[in-house]
Structure formats: C-alpha cells, structure tokens
Amino acid sequence: MEKILIAVNGTLMRDLELNENLTKIGGKFIREDKTDSYYRLWSINDEYPAMIRTSKKASKVDLEVWKIPIDKMVTLLLNEPAGLCIGKVVLQDKSICLGIIGEPFLCEDQLEITEFGGWRSYIDQKVK
C-alpha cells in the first residue's frame, strides 16, 4: 500500500481533539516541523485553525508531518471541517508535501493568530 506525507497544523496533531482521525486510518507520526516564512494562521471560532500561504513574508507555522495510506486521504478530508482542504505546503527546508490548508473565505472576520506560531501555542496561552 502506497503511503504519502501530510502536514497538519491543528486539531489533527498529537494529543489534540481530532488526532484519532489520523491514527484510525493508519497514520504514523514522522516529525515536528514548520512551514517556510510565507504562512498566516487564523483561529476559526476557537475550534480549529486555518492556515493560508501568502505572497508576502509572514511567519513560520508549527506543524506535524504524518505518513498515511494514500487510499485513506479522502476519508481524512471528509472528516475535516468545511473550508479546510488539501494543498501543497512548503516546509522550512523548502521541501513540499501535501497538507491541510484553509480556504480564504474561512478566515474572513476570524481572529488571526499568526503571532503565536501555531495552534498549540495559541491554545496553550488561552488556558493560562
């Protein structure tokens, strides 16, 4: 069975609410990583993040890289909230892999959290 790498930046990460959506399909954690410096991040109603690549330098966003069976990609995507989709993500070493990104409309009128560097950092500061 062919497997692919996928970058996740929110509730699919280890120990978070939807991580089981990755483990149920046979996902295997590979490593922590970051995007390159051209990404912005929003909190969508404080339920999950949406990440978008920009044309202007913004920030690196923390993420995790997982390996999943390619035939389970649709299952994973169907369990994501509307407005999140699969796209190509540029990592800090300039390599490219598939990843979960947000459609621009999803971020309209939402709180930008780019300054926190990632979803986990944002939710950790909210608990304090």
Protein backbone atom coordinates (compact mmCIF):
# COMPACT_ATOMS: atom_id res chain seq x y z
CA MET A 1 0.00 0.00 0.00
CA GLU A 2 1.46 3.35 -1.06
CA LYS A 3 1.85 5.99 1.66
CA ILE A 4 2.25 9.76 1.45
CA LEU A 5 3.36 12.51 3.78
CA ILE A 6 0.82 15.03 5.01
CA ALA A 7 1.42 18.17 7.08
CA VAL A 8 -1.15 19.01 9.77
CA ASN A 9 -1.27 22.23 11.77
CA GLY A 10 -4.27 21.98 14.10
CA THR A 11 -6.61 19.58 15.84
CA LEU A 12 -5.19 16.58 13.94
CA MET A 13 -1.87 16.93 15.81
CA ARG A 14 -0.87 14.51 18.56
CA ASP A 15 -2.89 14.72 21.77
CA LEU A 16 -5.48 17.06 20.25
CA GLU A 17 -9.20 16.51 19.58
CA LEU A 18 -9.14 15.03 16.07
CA ASN A 19 -5.82 13.16 16.17
CA GLU A 20 -7.79 9.93 16.16
CA ASN A 21 -8.84 10.75 12.58
CA LEU A 22 -5.19 10.17 11.61
CA THR A 23 -4.50 7.16 13.80
CA LYS A 24 -7.74 5.39 12.75
CA ILE A 25 -6.60 5.39 9.12
CA GLY A 26 -3.16 4.03 9.95
CA GLY A 27 -1.35 7.36 10.15
CA LYS A 28 2.16 7.33 11.59
CA PHE A 29 3.75 10.40 13.18
CA ILE A 30 7.02 11.24 11.42
CA ARG A 31 8.25 14.54 12.92
CA GLU A 32 7.52 18.05 14.13
CA ASP A 33 8.34 20.69 11.52
CA LYS A 34 7.49 24.23 10.40
CA THR A 35 6.31 25.87 7.20
CA ASP A 36 8.51 28.31 5.36
CA SER A 37 8.04 32.00 6.25
CA TYR A 38 5.04 32.71 3.98
CA TYR A 39 2.11 31.45 6.05
CA ARG A 40 -0.59 33.07 8.18
CA LEU A 41 -2.87 31.36 10.68
CA TRP A 42 -6.40 32.09 11.95
CA SER A 43 -8.49 30.69 14.77
CA ILE A 44 -11.86 29.63 13.40
CA ASN A 45 -14.27 30.34 16.26
CA ASP A 46 -11.58 28.98 18.65
CA GLU A 47 -12.43 25.47 17.43
CA TYR A 48 -9.63 24.81 14.92
CA PRO A 49 -7.09 26.77 12.86
CA ALA A 50 -6.92 27.64 9.18
CA MET A 51 -3.54 28.22 7.54
CA ILE A 52 -3.01 30.10 4.28
CA ARG A 53 0.14 30.69 2.23
CA THR A 54 0.70 34.34 1.33
CA SER A 55 2.71 36.14 -1.32
CA LYS A 56 4.43 38.32 1.29
CA LYS A 57 6.69 37.09 4.07
CA ALA A 58 4.61 36.38 7.19
CA SER A 59 5.68 33.65 9.62
CA LYS A 60 6.68 30.02 10.01
CA VAL A 61 3.85 27.90 11.40
CA ASP A 62 4.40 24.86 13.63
CA LEU A 63 3.08 21.62 12.23
CA GLU A 64 3.47 17.86 12.29
CA VAL A 65 4.30 15.61 9.38
CA TRP A 66 2.48 12.28 9.25
CA LYS A 67 2.62 9.35 6.84
CA ILE A 68 -0.77 7.98 5.78
CA PRO A 69 -2.01 5.39 3.29
CA ILE A 70 -2.77 7.27 0.07
CA ASP A 71 -6.11 5.49 -0.33
CA LYS A 72 -7.25 6.96 3.02
CA MET A 73 -6.74 10.60 2.00
CA VAL A 74 -10.41 11.04 1.09
CA THR A 75 -11.52 9.58 4.43
CA LEU A 76 -9.28 12.05 6.25
CA LEU A 77 -10.51 15.02 4.21
CA LEU A 78 -14.18 14.13 4.60
CA ASN A 79 -13.75 14.27 8.38
CA GLU A 80 -12.28 17.79 8.32
CA PRO A 81 -14.48 20.86 8.86
CA ALA A 82 -15.87 22.57 5.75
CA GLY A 83 -13.42 25.11 4.36
CA LEU A 84 -10.33 23.04 5.13
CA CYS A 85 -8.78 21.30 2.17
CA ILE A 86 -5.67 19.57 0.87
CA GLY A 87 -2.98 21.69 -0.73
CA LYS A 88 0.76 21.77 -1.16
CA VAL A 89 2.66 23.07 1.87
CA VAL A 90 6.21 24.42 1.65
CA LEU A 91 8.23 23.34 4.68
CA GLN A 92 11.05 25.34 6.27
CA ASP A 93 13.68 23.31 4.37
CA LYS A 94 11.83 24.25 1.12
CA SER A 95 10.59 20.69 0.54
CA ILE A 96 6.92 20.38 -0.39
CA CYS A 97 4.33 17.94 0.88
CA LEU A 98 0.56 17.77 0.95
CA GLY A 99 -1.10 19.41 3.91
CA ILE A 100 -4.27 20.75 5.43
CA ILE A 101 -4.85 24.39 4.46
CA GLY A 102 -7.75 26.79 4.76
CA GLU A 103 -9.79 28.35 2.02
CA PRO A 104 -9.52 32.18 2.25
CA PHE A 105 -13.26 32.71 2.85
CA LEU A 106 -12.99 30.68 6.06
CA CYS A 107 -10.64 33.27 7.61
CA GLU A 108 -12.83 36.30 6.94
CA ASP A 109 -13.82 38.01 10.21
CA GLN A 110 -11.85 35.47 12.26
CA LEU A 111 -9.02 36.07 14.74
CA GLU A 112 -5.56 35.99 13.19
CA ILE A 113 -3.18 34.04 15.44
CA THR A 114 -0.06 34.04 13.26
CA GLU A 115 1.94 35.76 16.02
CA PHE A 116 1.64 32.64 18.21
CA GLY A 117 3.49 30.49 15.67
CA GLY A 118 0.99 27.65 15.76
CA TRP A 119 -2.30 26.28 17.01
CA ARG A 120 -0.82 24.51 20.03
CA SER A 121 0.91 27.71 21.23
CA TYR A 122 -2.33 29.64 20.78
CA ILE A 123 -4.48 27.20 22.76
CA ASP A 124 -1.80 26.88 25.47
CA GLN A 125 -1.89 30.65 26.08
CA LYS A 126 -5.70 30.60 26.27
CA VAL A 127 -5.58 28.05 29.12
CA LYS A 128 -3.31 30.27 31.24
